[in-house]
Structure formats: structure tokens, C-alpha cells
Amino acid sequence: MSSYKAAKEAFVSDTTGSSITHVNLVSFVALPSVFLYSSLPTAWLSRSLLVQWLTLALPLLLSITLFATHPVLLSLGLTLLALAFRCFPFRGRTQYSHSRGPSPLPSRAPSPTRISSANDPAANGDERVKMERVWVQPLPALTTYRAHMMLMTIHAILAVDFPAFPRMLAKCETFGVSLMDMGVGSFVFSQGIVSAIPLVRSPTTYLTTPLLPKLMKSLRKSIPVLLMGVVRLIMVKGSEYPEHESEYGTHWNFFFTLAFLPILTTLLHPLLARQPITLVGVLIAVSHQVALSVTPLQTYTLTATRTSLISQNKEGLVSLPGYLSLHILGLALGTLLLPSSPSAFSRQQKVVRRLLNKPRKYINVNMQDHMDRHHAKEDDDRLIAELRQAREEARARAKAESAAGVNVNGIGGDAYTPRTSMESASSVLTAADPPLSPPILSPGPAHGHGSSLPLSPPPTRGSNSFSPPPPPPPISPSLRPLTPLSPPLLQLSHSATSNAKITSKDNKDKRQDDKIATELCAYAAVYWALLGVVWLCGGVVSRRLANLPYVLWTAAFNTSFILGYLLLDMFVRPLVPRERRARGSSNAGEAKGGRNERPDSPELLEVVNKNGLLVFLVANVTTGLINLSLKTMYASDNTAMAVLSLYSFGLCVLAWGVRGKRLV
């Protein structure tokens, strides 16, 4: 066993990698595979697990094995097959309809509306800043990106042990680029994107909360990942499993890196609240590169003997700042990608910056009364605008229905029924066009908490303020009634006003994917340009050191591919089959055409993304068992493809079997 272990370690060592272009072409196969899946002619095909595995997972496996040296042929074949499905009609082709689908993110996301956060801190009385809590919207492009990254990772960790996997795709010893080098960085970058969820939901509360509670929370969340690292260390050392010490060190492994990144990011929250997050990530990478180049740190990492605990794990410790930079750059991208607008978070960050520059007494999460008084006028102005908008929409509907022969004033009855005050307000807003004046607030609590908001001027002295409104003219019973305005837009209670706010923001909350794609394109161009400048200056990529070229390459690669998935969602991918619409939507109203309608992700990718950690853990255990029971280094290509295919399909079956649940 010891001789085979030494031969196996030599088999995966001293690799020099390939090129950035080759890695991009191998990874690009993922995009045509999504295009092929979207072009399937019938609904029953797209719902089949086997078909989804054949179109979405198997091409990734083929791209790193049989087609590793000719990935362009595989991409071209998938694209031509997809075009054939689209160009030639099939009887029974699926009819599609928009649907928002379940959230692709690790945590459930409610309806993508913005609501006022009463517990967010506010500035002093001289500034009018409305704090808002933002719900993260479902984003199929992110689901597809994360699930494809997970599938490529679990394929590579076993395929690298077979000769069918080219050595140029294995991790480089010190300097160079390869597919597996990119996989490690992509995992960290993706974790950073997802960690932006709480930051996007409530940036004010999240960034101004005291550091110690957040740090303790990050520590608690990191404990399971730390335990996984310890378990892996015990299993590797106890079973004489072949390992590569120069990858992370004697005891360090990737789980330890993943566990420490959220803790270190939390420590940087005071800086992230005041400075652009992308700038912070780039500065960390530049500082790390300066330390490697100016000090003996790089020489120590590559040549020092392993005599102490620190020197035994020098690779893992020295590369930690580089991975931290990648994590923060992913966090920055998440603040652009997750909100409905790419500038939403930057606006809130400016608010946080002003808050942190105020005396501490203003930064208090229990200052709700102060906030209500401060924002009362802003709420009143918004309410007037909402009522005016509702009136205009009602007038437009009335005009359209009047042209169609419908009586806009019909209420469906012969006898006159005295109207309530709210019905009177409705008739004023729909039939008449009076000028709207700002509501008059009572001296009591602010609007939304018992304020008085009359819609008409107070009665003059001596007038009868309790006289009922004059009855409307008789209405013919033959005329069909018209549904009145929705009561939530007219009732002036707190809950109804909140509903009115949410309704009026439908267009504002609609995802601006075109602007987000433009931002992603700009970021990708900047990252690629910076990588070119660093390369011209003599910089060489090193995953082992996680240096500046490696950080820029990983950021440019992942940003470009997320942009590609987003463009597929916008222009290529079909709408969701009606059969999946009812099952995919968490809200019956949304399934019937609610706002922000978006296409779903393939169900296989959704389930892999939802339980990605479970799939990754089982893949690591299965890889170890296969290596202990089979001398993979001497296996033929046919044997390798058979084992890898069964391994890949088995993991997909596992994810499919626990769909609808989140086990880890």
C-alpha cells in the first residue's frame, strides 16, 4: 500500500497546468448544455432526471475527460443539437409560461418586496433617509452557476485520480493555471456571493450592529465546517490515503479555509461599511502580493522545511489573505447581482456611512419613535402620490371599459345603499379629478401608528359635518357592475397603507437585468484588463500562494460566466412548463402571473444547489471509498468513464431524492 501511495502522490504532483484560454473553453461547455436543455421539445423530457443528467451533468464530465483536448467540438455539437430541436417543430412541444420559481439561494426568500424596517437605525432629524429591508429575489442564473460549479467540482475530485483526466487540468504544483486551480477559487468566490444575502436584505442593521454579536454568530456557523475539516484530517491520516502536502500543508485542508473566511470577513465589517467592498477586496489582494514580493514570505512558503506547526501548514496560512480577498470580491458582486437594481446597495451604504459618522446616540436600533416623527412628511407625500397613481389607473380602466360598453359606475342593484366613507373616497378618486392636498397629521403618533389623514378639508363653521353624501342617480339594473378599486389602496390604516406601498413599488422592484448585465460586463472587463497588466509586469498565477494574479483571474472568470448565465436567462432560455409552474411557485398568486416573473432553473440544478454541501460531503466520502477499493491510477479509459458516470449519476439521484428538503 505504501508503494502505491507514493506512486499515486507522484501521479498528482509536479503538474504545470495548461492555459487560461483552455480552461475557459473547457468550462464554456456548461453554457451550451443549458442551451440544449432549454431546447428540449416536450415537457416530459425536461422533467426526467435521466434526461436532465444527460444534458446538464454528463457534458461537464465529458469536457474534462474524453473531450478535454477538444472542448470546442463538444460545445459545437451541443449547440447544433439544440438548434436542431429549435428549428424543427415537434408535435406536442411544451407550452411555456413565466414563473418566478423557488429561490435558488441557500435560504428561503419571501416575495420580493421592500418593506419598511422599523428597527433600522436612522440619521438625526436634519436628514430624511428612509431605511428599507430588501428581500432577495429568486435568480435562476445564480442557481445554474452554483450548481454547475458544484457538478464540475465533484466530477474533478474523482476524475483526477484516473488517467482519463489529463494532467494539465490537475492542480499545479506552484505556478500555473488549471481547471482544478480555478475550482478552488470559484468555490470561495461563490461562497462570497451567497454571504451577501443578509447584507443586501438589511444593510443598515447588518453593518451597524455591534461587532461582537456578529462575530459570535459567525463562529457558531463556522463550527460545523471546522468539524468537517477535523474529520477529514483524521480519516486521511488514519487510512494512509494518498495526499499532497504542498497543496495546503500537513494538517490544513480546504474546509479550514472555508471556515475562517466568514469570521475574517465579519472582522472587516467596520471597513466594509465605510469603503466600497470591491476596493477593499482589491486592496487586500494587492497588500498580500506586496508581502509576497517584498518580504521573504514567498520564499518561506515554497522552500522552508516543515519543522513546526506553522511551517507544516504554511501553504494554508499564507494563502488565507488571498482567499479572503476572493471572498470579499464575491461579496461585492453579490451586492450587485442580488438586489433588483445594481445601485441599490451602494445607496444604502451611503446611508450607513452617514450614520456611522454621527454621534453614537443616534445609532440605536430602538429609536422607532424618532424615526416615525422624522419620516412622517415623507410617508404622507408618498401616500398622496400612490393615491394619485391609483386614480389615474382607475380612470384609464374606466375609459377602456366604457368604450367596451360597461357602465363604470354600476354597483349592481336597484335600491340605493348608503356608502361608507371609504366608498365615498373611492368614488372621488375614480369619477372626479380634484386636486390632492397633503394630508394633515394629527399631533399624535406619526402616520401608520394612529395618525389622522382626512382626504377632504375640514367643514366650515356652522356647517353640518355629519350630513351624508348625496345619493347617486338611479342605475339601470341591466348594466353590469364594475369591481371597485382594491380596498388596500384606499384604507388609511397601517396595514392597508403598507399594502399600498408594496403595490406601488411593483415596477420599482422589478429586476433590472439589463443594467445588472452591463455592470457585470464592466467588472469582468476591468478584472481581465488588470490581469493582463499584472501579467505584462511579470506576475504569474499561483493557487498555492493565492497571489494577486490568481485572485484577478478567478474574479474575472467567475464574473464572466455569471454574466453568461444571466444572458441565457434573458435571451435564450425558454419559459417554464405549465406543469412545473404550480409546483415551482410558492405563492398561488405568483403562479398566475405575479410581478417580477422569471424563468425557472432546471430542477436538477435547483436540487444540487439547495443541498450542495450534502452532495459535496458525500462526493468526498465516495471518492475516498473508490480510491481505497480500486487502483484508479491504472484503470483504463472505459473503466474510468463507467465509474465516473455511475458516480455522477448516483450523486444526482441523491440530490433528487432529497429535493424539497434542506438537510445540511
Foldseek 3Di string as FASTA:
>chain_A
DVVLLVVLLVLLAAAAADDLVLLLLLLVLQLLLQLLLLLDFADVLLQDLVNNCVSHQVSNLCSQFVCSVPSVVSSVVSNVNSVVSVVDHDPRGFDFDFFQFFALAQDGWPDFFKFFDLLFFADALVDADGFIFTTWGHDQLLLSLLLSLLSSQLLCVQLSLFVSGPSNQRAHLWFHDHNVLLSLLLVLLSLLLNVLRVCLRGVRCVLLPDLVVQLVVLLVVLVVLVVVLVVVQCVCVVPVHRDHQLQFFNRDDSSVLVSCLVNVVSVCSVVVLADQLLVVLLVLQVVLQCCVPVPCLVVLSPDPDPDDPCSRRVLNVLQSSLSSSSSSLSNNLSCQPGALHSCVSVVVSVRNNSVVPDPPVSRGSPPSQSSLVSCQQVLQVVLLVLLLVLLVVLQVVCVVVVVVVAHAPDPQDFDFDQDDPLVVVQCCSHPHDDDWDGFDWDPDGGFQPDTDGDRDDDDDPPDDPPDGDDTDDGDDNVHDYDDTDDSLSRDRHNVSSSVSVRVVCLVVRAHPLVNSLVVLVVLLVVLVVVLVVCVVVPDTDTSSSSHSNVSSSSSNSSSVSSSSSSVCQVPRRDHHRLVCLVVRDPDPVSSVPDGNGGHHHSPLSSLCSNAVVVLVVVSVVVSSVCVVVDSNHPDDSVVSVVVSVVSSSVSSVVSVVQPVDRDD
